[in-house]
């Protein structure tokens, strides 16, 4: 057995991307552009969300920016419509300032956030910069093209199969965890504040 993703079970082999580091890096990009009121969309109890939230909070803390619970926005689901609904409702509240940037826990959530921003007559990135995670095939075709975290999905699959094949041929070898590299793909959904 080989586990993939954010499952912490050291009794079996594991392949993943360091979600804490990746989310910290993409949040750092927004901070470097001068953004200070940065929201995050997709907060929830699942391991992926918790690790990405940790990376976001770590970046804010390192920059001396206080994490504000109201900027940690959950969704009814991790689809574009869930993000559009939850972020749209957040924007419609008048008891707080609008964020100047949003970290979305997936590119699909970013699609919903961008939709909610546009429906309210605001622009991305002019009014609100938006970043995602996963570099899905459509990320480069969104309007505007999405700044996102990229990892090679082909390499991810090949690595999982290689680790599984090694486990089958050497069932008694020590378990291993493979962390795959990631990088930030800079596109037009962000700009300096």
N, C-alpha and C. Protein backbone atom coordinates (compact mmCIF):
# COMPACT_ATOMS: atom_id res chain seq x y z
N UNK A 1 0.84 -1.18 0.00
CA UNK A 1 0.00 0.00 0.00
C UNK A 1 0.89 1.24 0.00
N UNK A 2 0.50 2.24 -0.79
CA UNK A 2 1.15 3.54 -0.80
C UNK A 2 0.05 4.59 -0.64
N UNK A 3 0.19 5.42 0.37
CA UNK A 3 -0.77 6.51 0.56
C UNK A 3 -0.28 7.74 -0.19
N UNK A 4 -1.22 8.49 -0.75
CA UNK A 4 -0.87 9.73 -1.43
C UNK A 4 -1.60 10.88 -0.76
N UNK A 5 -0.97 12.03 -0.75
CA UNK A 5 -1.61 13.22 -0.20
C UNK A 5 -1.30 13.40 1.28
N UNK A 6 -2.24 14.02 1.96
CA UNK A 6 -2.01 14.51 3.31
C UNK A 6 -2.40 13.50 4.39
N UNK A 7 -2.06 12.28 4.22
CA UNK A 7 -2.36 11.24 5.19
C UNK A 7 -1.08 10.93 5.95
N UNK A 8 -1.10 11.12 7.25
CA UNK A 8 0.09 10.89 8.07
C UNK A 8 -0.03 9.54 8.76
N UNK A 9 0.44 8.52 8.09
CA UNK A 9 0.43 7.15 8.61
C UNK A 9 1.82 6.56 8.38
N UNK A 10 2.75 6.76 9.31
CA UNK A 10 4.13 6.32 9.07
C UNK A 10 4.32 4.81 8.99
N UNK A 11 3.24 4.04 9.11
CA UNK A 11 3.38 2.58 9.02
C UNK A 11 3.35 2.09 7.57
N UNK A 12 3.04 2.99 6.62
CA UNK A 12 3.04 2.62 5.20
C UNK A 12 3.77 3.70 4.40
N UNK A 13 4.13 3.36 3.17
CA UNK A 13 4.79 4.30 2.28
C UNK A 13 3.84 5.45 1.93
N UNK A 14 4.44 6.60 1.58
CA UNK A 14 3.65 7.82 1.43
C UNK A 14 4.29 8.73 0.37
N UNK A 15 3.47 9.32 -0.50
CA UNK A 15 3.93 10.29 -1.49
C UNK A 15 3.04 11.52 -1.36
N UNK A 16 3.66 12.71 -1.28
CA UNK A 16 2.87 13.93 -1.10
C UNK A 16 3.64 15.17 -1.53
N UNK A 17 2.95 16.30 -1.50
CA UNK A 17 3.53 17.62 -1.70
C UNK A 17 3.45 18.32 -0.35
N UNK A 18 4.48 19.05 0.02
CA UNK A 18 4.49 19.75 1.31
C UNK A 18 3.53 20.94 1.26
N UNK A 19 2.30 20.71 1.69
CA UNK A 19 1.26 21.73 1.63
C UNK A 19 1.55 22.94 2.51
N UNK A 20 2.18 22.72 3.64
CA UNK A 20 2.51 23.85 4.52
C UNK A 20 3.49 24.78 3.80
N UNK A 21 4.57 24.22 3.28
CA UNK A 21 5.58 25.03 2.60
C UNK A 21 5.01 25.71 1.35
N UNK A 22 4.23 24.98 0.57
CA UNK A 22 3.68 25.54 -0.67
C UNK A 22 2.73 26.70 -0.39
N UNK A 23 1.86 26.52 0.59
CA UNK A 23 0.90 27.59 0.91
C UNK A 23 1.61 28.77 1.55
N UNK A 24 2.62 28.50 2.33
CA UNK A 24 3.40 29.61 2.89
C UNK A 24 4.04 30.41 1.75
N UNK A 25 4.63 29.72 0.78
CA UNK A 25 5.30 30.42 -0.32
C UNK A 25 4.34 31.27 -1.14
N UNK A 26 3.15 30.76 -1.41
CA UNK A 26 2.23 31.54 -2.22
C UNK A 26 1.65 32.72 -1.42
N UNK A 27 1.51 32.54 -0.10
CA UNK A 27 1.10 33.65 0.75
C UNK A 27 2.23 34.68 0.85
N UNK A 28 3.47 34.21 0.92
CA UNK A 28 4.62 35.11 0.93
C UNK A 28 4.66 35.97 -0.33
N UNK A 29 4.29 35.39 -1.47
CA UNK A 29 4.25 36.16 -2.72
C UNK A 29 3.30 37.35 -2.57
N UNK A 30 2.12 37.11 -2.01
CA UNK A 30 1.15 38.20 -1.82
C UNK A 30 1.69 39.25 -0.84
N UNK A 31 2.33 38.79 0.21
CA UNK A 31 2.90 39.72 1.19
C UNK A 31 4.00 40.56 0.54
N UNK A 32 4.83 39.93 -0.28
CA UNK A 32 5.90 40.65 -0.98
C UNK A 32 5.34 41.71 -1.93
N UNK A 33 4.12 41.48 -2.43
CA UNK A 33 3.48 42.46 -3.32
C UNK A 33 2.81 43.59 -2.53
N UNK A 34 2.90 43.55 -1.20
CA UNK A 34 2.35 44.62 -0.39
C UNK A 34 0.98 44.35 0.18
N UNK A 35 0.43 43.18 -0.04
CA UNK A 35 -0.88 42.85 0.52
C UNK A 35 -0.75 42.55 2.01
N UNK A 36 -1.68 43.06 2.78
CA UNK A 36 -1.65 42.84 4.23
C UNK A 36 -2.96 42.24 4.74
N UNK A 37 -4.05 42.56 4.11
CA UNK A 37 -5.35 41.99 4.51
C UNK A 37 -5.64 40.83 3.55
N UNK A 38 -5.15 39.65 3.93
CA UNK A 38 -5.18 38.48 3.05
C UNK A 38 -6.14 37.44 3.62
N UNK A 39 -7.15 37.10 2.85
CA UNK A 39 -8.12 36.06 3.25
C UNK A 39 -7.65 34.71 2.74
N UNK A 40 -8.20 33.66 3.30
CA UNK A 40 -7.99 32.30 2.79
C UNK A 40 -9.34 31.63 2.70
N UNK A 41 -9.59 30.95 1.57
CA UNK A 41 -10.89 30.31 1.31
C UNK A 41 -10.70 28.80 1.17
N UNK A 42 -11.55 28.06 1.90
CA UNK A 42 -11.51 26.59 1.85
C UNK A 42 -11.22 25.98 3.19
N UNK A 43 -11.26 26.80 4.25
CA UNK A 43 -10.96 26.32 5.59
C UNK A 43 -11.96 25.23 6.00
N UNK A 44 -11.45 24.17 6.58
CA UNK A 44 -12.30 23.06 7.01
C UNK A 44 -11.50 22.05 7.81
N UNK A 45 -12.15 20.98 8.26
CA UNK A 45 -11.49 20.02 9.15
C UNK A 45 -10.58 19.01 8.44
N UNK A 46 -10.66 18.89 7.11
CA UNK A 46 -9.86 17.87 6.44
C UNK A 46 -8.37 18.20 6.50
N UNK A 47 -7.54 17.17 6.42
CA UNK A 47 -6.09 17.31 6.58
C UNK A 47 -5.51 18.31 5.60
N UNK A 48 -5.91 18.25 4.34
CA UNK A 48 -5.39 19.18 3.34
C UNK A 48 -5.65 20.61 3.75
N UNK A 49 -6.87 20.91 4.15
CA UNK A 49 -7.22 22.28 4.55
C UNK A 49 -6.43 22.71 5.77
N UNK A 50 -6.25 21.82 6.73
CA UNK A 50 -5.52 22.17 7.94
C UNK A 50 -4.05 22.47 7.65
N UNK A 51 -3.43 21.69 6.78
CA UNK A 51 -2.03 21.93 6.44
C UNK A 51 -1.87 23.23 5.66
N UNK A 52 -2.78 23.48 4.73
CA UNK A 52 -2.69 24.72 3.95
C UNK A 52 -2.97 25.94 4.83
N UNK A 53 -3.89 25.82 5.77
CA UNK A 53 -4.15 26.89 6.71
C UNK A 53 -2.91 27.16 7.56
N UNK A 54 -2.23 26.12 7.97
CA UNK A 54 -1.00 26.28 8.76
C UNK A 54 0.05 27.05 7.96
N UNK A 55 0.22 26.74 6.68
CA UNK A 55 1.18 27.46 5.84
C UNK A 55 0.83 28.93 5.70
N UNK A 56 -0.45 29.22 5.53
CA UNK A 56 -0.95 30.60 5.44
C UNK A 56 -0.66 31.35 6.73
N UNK A 57 -1.01 30.76 7.86
CA UNK A 57 -0.78 31.42 9.16
C UNK A 57 0.71 31.62 9.42
N UNK A 58 1.52 30.64 9.04
CA UNK A 58 2.96 30.75 9.23
C UNK A 58 3.52 31.94 8.45
N UNK A 59 3.07 32.12 7.23
CA UNK A 59 3.53 33.25 6.41
C UNK A 59 3.12 34.58 7.04
N UNK A 60 1.87 34.67 7.48
CA UNK A 60 1.41 35.91 8.12
C UNK A 60 2.24 36.21 9.36
N UNK A 61 2.42 35.21 10.21
CA UNK A 61 3.16 35.41 11.46
C UNK A 61 4.59 35.86 11.17
N UNK A 62 5.24 35.24 10.20
CA UNK A 62 6.62 35.61 9.86
C UNK A 62 6.72 37.05 9.36
N UNK A 63 5.64 37.54 8.76
CA UNK A 63 5.63 38.93 8.25
C UNK A 63 5.11 39.92 9.29
N UNK A 64 4.76 39.43 10.47
CA UNK A 64 4.23 40.31 11.51
C UNK A 64 2.80 40.76 11.27
N UNK A 65 2.05 39.96 10.50
CA UNK A 65 0.64 40.27 10.21
C UNK A 65 -0.22 39.40 11.11
N UNK A 66 -1.12 40.03 11.83
CA UNK A 66 -2.00 39.29 12.73
C UNK A 66 -3.03 38.49 11.92
N UNK A 67 -3.16 37.20 12.22
CA UNK A 67 -4.19 36.38 11.57
C UNK A 67 -5.55 36.81 12.12
N UNK A 68 -6.50 37.06 11.23
CA UNK A 68 -7.84 37.46 11.63
C UNK A 68 -8.81 36.33 11.32
N UNK A 69 -9.46 35.78 12.34
CA UNK A 69 -10.38 34.66 12.12
C UNK A 69 -11.44 34.95 11.05
N UNK A 70 -11.91 36.17 10.93
CA UNK A 70 -12.94 36.49 9.94
C UNK A 70 -12.44 36.32 8.51
N UNK A 71 -11.10 36.33 8.32
CA UNK A 71 -10.53 36.16 6.98
C UNK A 71 -10.28 34.70 6.63
N UNK A 72 -10.55 33.79 7.56
CA UNK A 72 -10.41 32.36 7.32
C UNK A 72 -11.79 31.81 6.99
N UNK A 73 -12.07 31.68 5.70
CA UNK A 73 -13.42 31.45 5.20
C UNK A 73 -13.62 29.99 4.80
N UNK A 74 -14.63 29.37 5.38
CA UNK A 74 -14.95 27.99 5.02
C UNK A 74 -15.92 27.98 3.84
N UNK A 75 -16.08 26.81 3.25
CA UNK A 75 -17.00 26.63 2.11
C UNK A 75 -17.91 25.44 2.41
N UNK A 76 -19.09 25.48 1.85
CA UNK A 76 -19.99 24.33 1.96
C UNK A 76 -19.43 23.12 1.24
N UNK A 77 -18.66 23.36 0.21
CA UNK A 77 -17.98 22.29 -0.53
C UNK A 77 -16.74 22.86 -1.20
N UNK A 78 -15.87 21.98 -1.67
CA UNK A 78 -14.63 22.42 -2.32
C UNK A 78 -14.82 22.49 -3.84
N UNK A 79 -15.91 23.08 -4.27
CA UNK A 79 -16.19 23.32 -5.68
C UNK A 79 -16.32 24.81 -5.91
N UNK A 80 -16.30 25.22 -7.15
CA UNK A 80 -16.38 26.65 -7.48
C UNK A 80 -17.65 27.28 -6.90
N UNK A 81 -18.77 26.58 -6.97
CA UNK A 81 -20.02 27.17 -6.47
C UNK A 81 -19.97 27.38 -4.96
N UNK A 82 -19.34 26.48 -4.22
CA UNK A 82 -19.20 26.65 -2.78
C UNK A 82 -18.36 27.87 -2.43
N UNK A 83 -17.27 28.06 -3.16
CA UNK A 83 -16.41 29.23 -2.93
C UNK A 83 -17.11 30.51 -3.33
N UNK A 84 -17.82 30.48 -4.46
CA UNK A 84 -18.54 31.68 -4.91
C UNK A 84 -19.59 32.09 -3.88
N UNK A 85 -20.29 31.13 -3.35
CA UNK A 85 -21.33 31.42 -2.36
C UNK A 85 -20.73 31.96 -1.06
N UNK A 86 -19.73 31.26 -0.53
CA UNK A 86 -19.17 31.67 0.77
C UNK A 86 -18.38 32.97 0.66
N UNK A 87 -17.58 33.13 -0.39
CA UNK A 87 -16.81 34.37 -0.51
C UNK A 87 -17.72 35.53 -0.89
N UNK A 88 -18.74 35.25 -1.71
CA UNK A 88 -19.71 36.30 -2.04
C UNK A 88 -20.43 36.80 -0.80
N UNK A 89 -20.84 35.88 0.06
CA UNK A 89 -21.50 36.29 1.31
C UNK A 89 -20.55 37.10 2.18
N UNK A 90 -19.29 36.71 2.21
CA UNK A 90 -18.30 37.47 2.97
C UNK A 90 -18.17 38.89 2.42
N UNK A 91 -18.09 39.02 1.10
CA UNK A 91 -17.98 40.35 0.50
C UNK A 91 -19.21 41.20 0.77
N UNK A 92 -20.37 40.57 0.84
CA UNK A 92 -21.62 41.31 1.04
C UNK A 92 -21.79 41.84 2.46
N UNK A 93 -21.05 41.30 3.40
CA UNK A 93 -21.14 41.79 4.78
C UNK A 93 -20.50 43.18 4.83
N UNK A 94 -21.12 44.07 5.52
CA UNK A 94 -20.64 45.45 5.57
C UNK A 94 -19.90 45.76 6.87
N UNK A 95 -19.72 44.79 7.75
CA UNK A 95 -19.13 45.05 9.05
C UNK A 95 -17.61 44.84 9.09
N UNK A 96 -16.99 44.72 7.91
CA UNK A 96 -15.53 44.55 7.86
C UNK A 96 -15.00 45.12 6.55
N UNK A 97 -13.70 45.36 6.52
CA UNK A 97 -13.04 45.81 5.29
C UNK A 97 -12.85 44.63 4.35
N UNK A 98 -12.89 44.92 3.09
CA UNK A 98 -12.66 43.90 2.06
C UNK A 98 -11.18 43.50 2.08
N UNK A 99 -10.88 42.22 1.85
CA UNK A 99 -9.47 41.82 1.75
C UNK A 99 -8.86 42.37 0.46
N UNK A 100 -7.54 42.55 0.46
CA UNK A 100 -6.90 42.97 -0.78
C UNK A 100 -6.28 41.80 -1.53
N UNK A 101 -6.33 40.60 -0.92
CA UNK A 101 -5.85 39.39 -1.59
C UNK A 101 -6.52 38.18 -0.97
N UNK A 102 -6.58 37.09 -1.75
CA UNK A 102 -7.20 35.84 -1.29
C UNK A 102 -6.33 34.66 -1.70
N UNK A 103 -6.03 33.81 -0.72
CA UNK A 103 -5.38 32.53 -0.97
C UNK A 103 -6.51 31.51 -1.06
N UNK A 104 -6.62 30.82 -2.17
CA UNK A 104 -7.63 29.77 -2.34
C UNK A 104 -6.94 28.42 -2.22
N UNK A 105 -7.54 27.51 -1.48
CA UNK A 105 -6.90 26.22 -1.22
C UNK A 105 -6.87 25.30 -2.42
N UNK A 106 -7.62 25.63 -3.48
CA UNK A 106 -7.53 24.92 -4.75
C UNK A 106 -7.80 25.91 -5.87
N UNK A 107 -7.41 25.55 -7.07
CA UNK A 107 -7.71 26.39 -8.23
C UNK A 107 -9.22 26.44 -8.49
N UNK A 108 -9.91 25.35 -8.22
CA UNK A 108 -11.36 25.34 -8.42
C UNK A 108 -12.03 26.34 -7.49
N UNK A 109 -11.56 26.42 -6.24
CA UNK A 109 -12.09 27.43 -5.33
C UNK A 109 -11.77 28.83 -5.84
N UNK A 110 -10.59 29.00 -6.41
CA UNK A 110 -10.21 30.31 -6.96
C UNK A 110 -11.17 30.74 -8.07
N UNK A 111 -11.60 29.79 -8.88
CA UNK A 111 -12.56 30.09 -9.93
C UNK A 111 -13.84 30.67 -9.32
N UNK A 112 -14.32 30.08 -8.24
CA UNK A 112 -15.51 30.59 -7.56
C UNK A 112 -15.29 31.95 -6.93
N UNK A 113 -14.13 32.15 -6.33
CA UNK A 113 -13.81 33.44 -5.71
C UNK A 113 -13.76 34.53 -6.78
N UNK A 114 -13.09 34.25 -7.89
CA UNK A 114 -13.00 35.25 -8.98
C UNK A 114 -14.40 35.58 -9.49
N UNK A 115 -15.24 34.58 -9.62
CA UNK A 115 -16.63 34.81 -10.05
C UNK A 115 -17.36 35.73 -9.08
N UNK A 116 -17.22 35.47 -7.77
CA UNK A 116 -17.88 36.30 -6.76
C UNK A 116 -17.37 37.73 -6.81
N UNK A 117 -16.08 37.89 -7.03
CA UNK A 117 -15.49 39.24 -7.13
C UNK A 117 -16.08 39.98 -8.33
N UNK A 118 -16.10 39.32 -9.48
CA UNK A 118 -16.62 39.96 -10.70
C UNK A 118 -18.10 40.29 -10.59
N UNK A 119 -18.88 39.41 -9.97
CA UNK A 119 -20.32 39.66 -9.82
C UNK A 119 -20.62 40.89 -8.98
N UNK A 120 -19.68 41.32 -8.20
CA UNK A 120 -19.87 42.50 -7.35
C UNK A 120 -19.23 43.74 -7.95
N UNK A 121 -18.88 43.66 -9.24
CA UNK A 121 -18.33 44.81 -9.94
C UNK A 121 -16.89 45.14 -9.59
N UNK A 122 -16.21 44.19 -8.98
CA UNK A 122 -14.81 44.38 -8.63
C UNK A 122 -13.94 43.63 -9.64
N UNK A 123 -12.65 43.92 -9.62
CA UNK A 123 -11.77 43.26 -10.58
C UNK A 123 -10.66 42.49 -9.88
N UNK A 124 -10.19 41.46 -10.57
CA UNK A 124 -9.02 40.69 -10.19
C UNK A 124 -7.98 40.93 -11.27
N UNK A 125 -6.83 41.45 -10.93
CA UNK A 125 -6.28 41.70 -9.61
C UNK A 125 -6.40 43.15 -9.14
N UNK A 126 -7.05 44.00 -9.90
CA UNK A 126 -7.10 45.42 -9.56
C UNK A 126 -7.60 45.71 -8.17
N UNK A 127 -8.71 45.07 -7.78
CA UNK A 127 -9.26 45.27 -6.44
C UNK A 127 -8.82 44.20 -5.46
N UNK A 128 -8.75 42.96 -5.93
CA UNK A 128 -8.39 41.83 -5.07
C UNK A 128 -7.51 40.87 -5.88
N UNK A 129 -6.31 40.61 -5.37
CA UNK A 129 -5.46 39.58 -5.98
C UNK A 129 -5.93 38.21 -5.51
N UNK A 130 -5.85 37.21 -6.39
CA UNK A 130 -6.31 35.85 -6.06
C UNK A 130 -5.25 34.85 -6.50
N UNK A 131 -4.97 33.88 -5.61
CA UNK A 131 -4.06 32.79 -5.95
C UNK A 131 -4.75 31.46 -5.66
N UNK A 132 -4.27 30.41 -6.33
CA UNK A 132 -4.84 29.08 -6.15
C UNK A 132 -3.78 28.05 -5.79
N UNK A 133 -4.16 26.80 -5.97
CA UNK A 133 -3.27 25.68 -5.64
C UNK A 133 -3.67 24.50 -6.52
N UNK A 134 -2.76 23.89 -7.21
CA UNK A 134 -2.90 22.69 -8.03
C UNK A 134 -2.48 22.89 -9.47
N UNK A 135 -2.54 24.10 -9.99
CA UNK A 135 -2.25 24.38 -11.40
C UNK A 135 -3.01 23.43 -12.32
N UNK A 136 -4.34 23.43 -12.16
CA UNK A 136 -5.18 22.60 -13.03
C UNK A 136 -5.02 23.07 -14.47
N UNK A 137 -5.44 22.24 -15.40
CA UNK A 137 -5.27 22.54 -16.82
C UNK A 137 -5.90 23.87 -17.21
N UNK A 138 -7.00 24.25 -16.57
CA UNK A 138 -7.70 25.49 -16.93
C UNK A 138 -7.15 26.73 -16.24
N UNK A 139 -6.19 26.58 -15.34
CA UNK A 139 -5.68 27.74 -14.59
C UNK A 139 -5.10 28.82 -15.51
N UNK A 140 -4.42 28.40 -16.55
CA UNK A 140 -3.82 29.37 -17.48
C UNK A 140 -4.87 30.04 -18.36
N UNK A 141 -6.06 29.43 -18.47
CA UNK A 141 -7.12 29.96 -19.34
C UNK A 141 -8.17 30.75 -18.58
N UNK A 142 -8.09 30.79 -17.25
CA UNK A 142 -9.06 31.58 -16.49
C UNK A 142 -8.90 33.05 -16.86
N UNK A 143 -9.86 33.83 -16.49
CA UNK A 143 -9.76 35.26 -16.73
C UNK A 143 -9.82 36.00 -15.42
N UNK A 144 -8.72 36.51 -14.94
CA UNK A 144 -7.38 36.47 -15.53
C UNK A 144 -6.70 35.11 -15.26
N UNK A 145 -5.65 34.82 -16.02
CA UNK A 145 -4.90 33.59 -15.76
C UNK A 145 -4.42 33.55 -14.30
N UNK A 146 -4.52 32.37 -13.68
CA UNK A 146 -4.36 32.23 -12.24
C UNK A 146 -2.92 31.97 -11.80
N UNK A 147 -2.46 32.75 -10.84
CA UNK A 147 -1.22 32.46 -10.12
C UNK A 147 -1.52 31.30 -9.18
N UNK A 148 -0.65 30.29 -9.17
CA UNK A 148 -0.98 29.07 -8.44
C UNK A 148 0.25 28.27 -8.04
N UNK A 149 0.03 27.28 -7.18
CA UNK A 149 1.07 26.33 -6.81
C UNK A 149 1.01 25.18 -7.82
N UNK A 150 2.17 24.84 -8.37
CA UNK A 150 2.25 23.75 -9.35
C UNK A 150 3.07 22.60 -8.78
N UNK A 151 2.60 21.39 -9.03
CA UNK A 151 3.41 20.19 -8.85
C UNK A 151 3.09 19.29 -10.03
N UNK A 152 4.05 18.50 -10.43
CA UNK A 152 3.91 17.67 -11.63
C UNK A 152 3.08 16.44 -11.30
N UNK A 153 1.85 16.39 -11.80
CA UNK A 153 0.94 15.29 -11.50
C UNK A 153 1.40 13.98 -12.12
N UNK A 154 2.05 14.06 -13.27
CA UNK A 154 2.60 12.86 -13.91
C UNK A 154 3.70 12.26 -13.04
N UNK A 155 4.59 13.11 -12.56
CA UNK A 155 5.67 12.64 -11.68
C UNK A 155 5.08 12.10 -10.37
N UNK A 156 4.02 12.74 -9.88
CA UNK A 156 3.35 12.27 -8.66
C UNK A 156 2.87 10.83 -8.86
N UNK A 157 2.17 10.58 -9.96
CA UNK A 157 1.64 9.24 -10.24
C UNK A 157 2.77 8.23 -10.45
N UNK A 158 3.77 8.62 -11.22
CA UNK A 158 4.90 7.72 -11.48
C UNK A 158 5.64 7.37 -10.19
N UNK A 159 5.80 8.36 -9.31
CA UNK A 159 6.49 8.13 -8.04
C UNK A 159 5.69 7.17 -7.17
N UNK A 160 4.39 7.35 -7.10
CA UNK A 160 3.55 6.45 -6.30
C UNK A 160 3.65 5.02 -6.82
N UNK A 161 3.63 4.86 -8.14
CA UNK A 161 3.74 3.52 -8.72
C UNK A 161 5.12 2.92 -8.46
N UNK A 162 6.17 3.73 -8.59
CA UNK A 162 7.53 3.25 -8.31
C UNK A 162 7.67 2.81 -6.86
N UNK A 163 7.14 3.61 -5.92
CA UNK A 163 7.22 3.26 -4.50
C UNK A 163 6.44 1.97 -4.24
N UNK A 164 5.28 1.83 -4.86
CA UNK A 164 4.48 0.61 -4.69
C UNK A 164 5.22 -0.61 -5.26
N UNK A 165 5.80 -0.46 -6.45
CA UNK A 165 6.55 -1.55 -7.07
C UNK A 165 7.73 -1.96 -6.18
N UNK A 166 8.42 -0.97 -5.62
CA UNK A 166 9.53 -1.28 -4.71
C UNK A 166 9.04 -2.02 -3.46
N UNK A 167 7.88 -1.62 -2.97
CA UNK A 167 7.32 -2.28 -1.77
C UNK A 167 6.96 -3.74 -2.08
N UNK A 168 6.42 -3.96 -3.26
CA UNK A 168 6.06 -5.33 -3.65
C UNK A 168 7.31 -6.20 -3.77
N UNK A 169 8.38 -5.65 -4.36
CA UNK A 169 9.60 -6.44 -4.53
C UNK A 169 10.41 -6.57 -3.25
N UNK A 170 10.26 -5.60 -2.32
CA UNK A 170 10.98 -5.66 -1.04
C UNK A 170 10.00 -5.36 0.10
N UNK A 171 9.14 -6.29 0.44
CA UNK A 171 8.10 -6.02 1.44
C UNK A 171 8.62 -5.71 2.84
N UNK A 172 9.85 -6.09 3.16
CA UNK A 172 10.37 -5.87 4.51
C UNK A 172 11.23 -4.62 4.64
N UNK A 173 11.42 -3.88 3.58
CA UNK A 173 12.25 -2.68 3.67
C UNK A 173 11.55 -1.62 4.53
N UNK A 174 12.30 -0.67 5.10
CA UNK A 174 11.69 0.39 5.92
C UNK A 174 10.71 1.23 5.09
N UNK A 175 9.69 1.74 5.75
CA UNK A 175 8.73 2.60 5.04
C UNK A 175 9.42 3.90 4.63
N UNK A 176 8.87 4.50 3.59
CA UNK A 176 9.45 5.75 3.11
C UNK A 176 8.36 6.77 2.83
N UNK A 177 8.73 8.04 2.95
CA UNK A 177 7.84 9.13 2.59
C UNK A 177 8.57 9.99 1.56
N UNK A 178 7.94 10.21 0.43
CA UNK A 178 8.54 10.99 -0.64
C UNK A 178 7.79 12.31 -0.75
N UNK A 179 8.53 13.41 -0.60
CA UNK A 179 7.95 14.75 -0.76
C UNK A 179 8.34 15.25 -2.14
N UNK A 180 7.34 15.51 -2.97
CA UNK A 180 7.58 15.96 -4.34
C UNK A 180 7.77 17.48 -4.37
N UNK A 181 8.56 17.96 -5.31
CA UNK A 181 8.78 19.40 -5.40
C UNK A 181 7.55 20.14 -5.93
N UNK A 182 7.48 21.40 -5.58
CA UNK A 182 6.43 22.28 -6.07
C UNK A 182 7.08 23.60 -6.47
N UNK A 183 6.33 24.42 -7.18
CA UNK A 183 6.82 25.75 -7.52
C UNK A 183 5.62 26.67 -7.71
N UNK A 184 5.86 27.95 -7.60
CA UNK A 184 4.81 28.93 -7.81
C UNK A 184 4.81 29.33 -9.29
N UNK A 185 3.64 29.27 -9.91
CA UNK A 185 3.49 29.72 -11.30
C UNK A 185 2.84 31.10 -11.24
N UNK A 186 3.57 32.10 -11.67
CA UNK A 186 3.10 33.49 -11.59
C UNK A 186 2.35 33.83 -12.86
N UNK A 187 1.08 34.26 -12.68
CA UNK A 187 0.27 34.70 -13.82
C UNK A 187 -0.38 36.04 -13.46
N UNK A 188 -1.46 36.38 -14.13
CA UNK A 188 -2.00 37.73 -14.05
C UNK A 188 -3.04 37.96 -12.96
N UNK A 189 -3.30 37.00 -12.09
CA UNK A 189 -4.35 37.19 -11.07
C UNK A 189 -3.84 37.91 -9.83
N UNK A 190 -2.57 38.27 -9.83
CA UNK A 190 -2.01 39.04 -8.72
C UNK A 190 -1.27 40.25 -9.26
N UNK A 191 -1.21 41.29 -8.44
CA UNK A 191 -0.41 42.46 -8.79
C UNK A 191 -0.04 43.17 -7.50
N UNK A 192 1.00 43.98 -7.54
CA UNK A 192 1.38 44.74 -6.35
C UNK A 192 0.25 45.65 -5.88
N UNK A 193 0.12 45.77 -4.57
CA UNK A 193 -0.91 46.63 -4.00
C UNK A 193 -0.52 48.08 -4.16
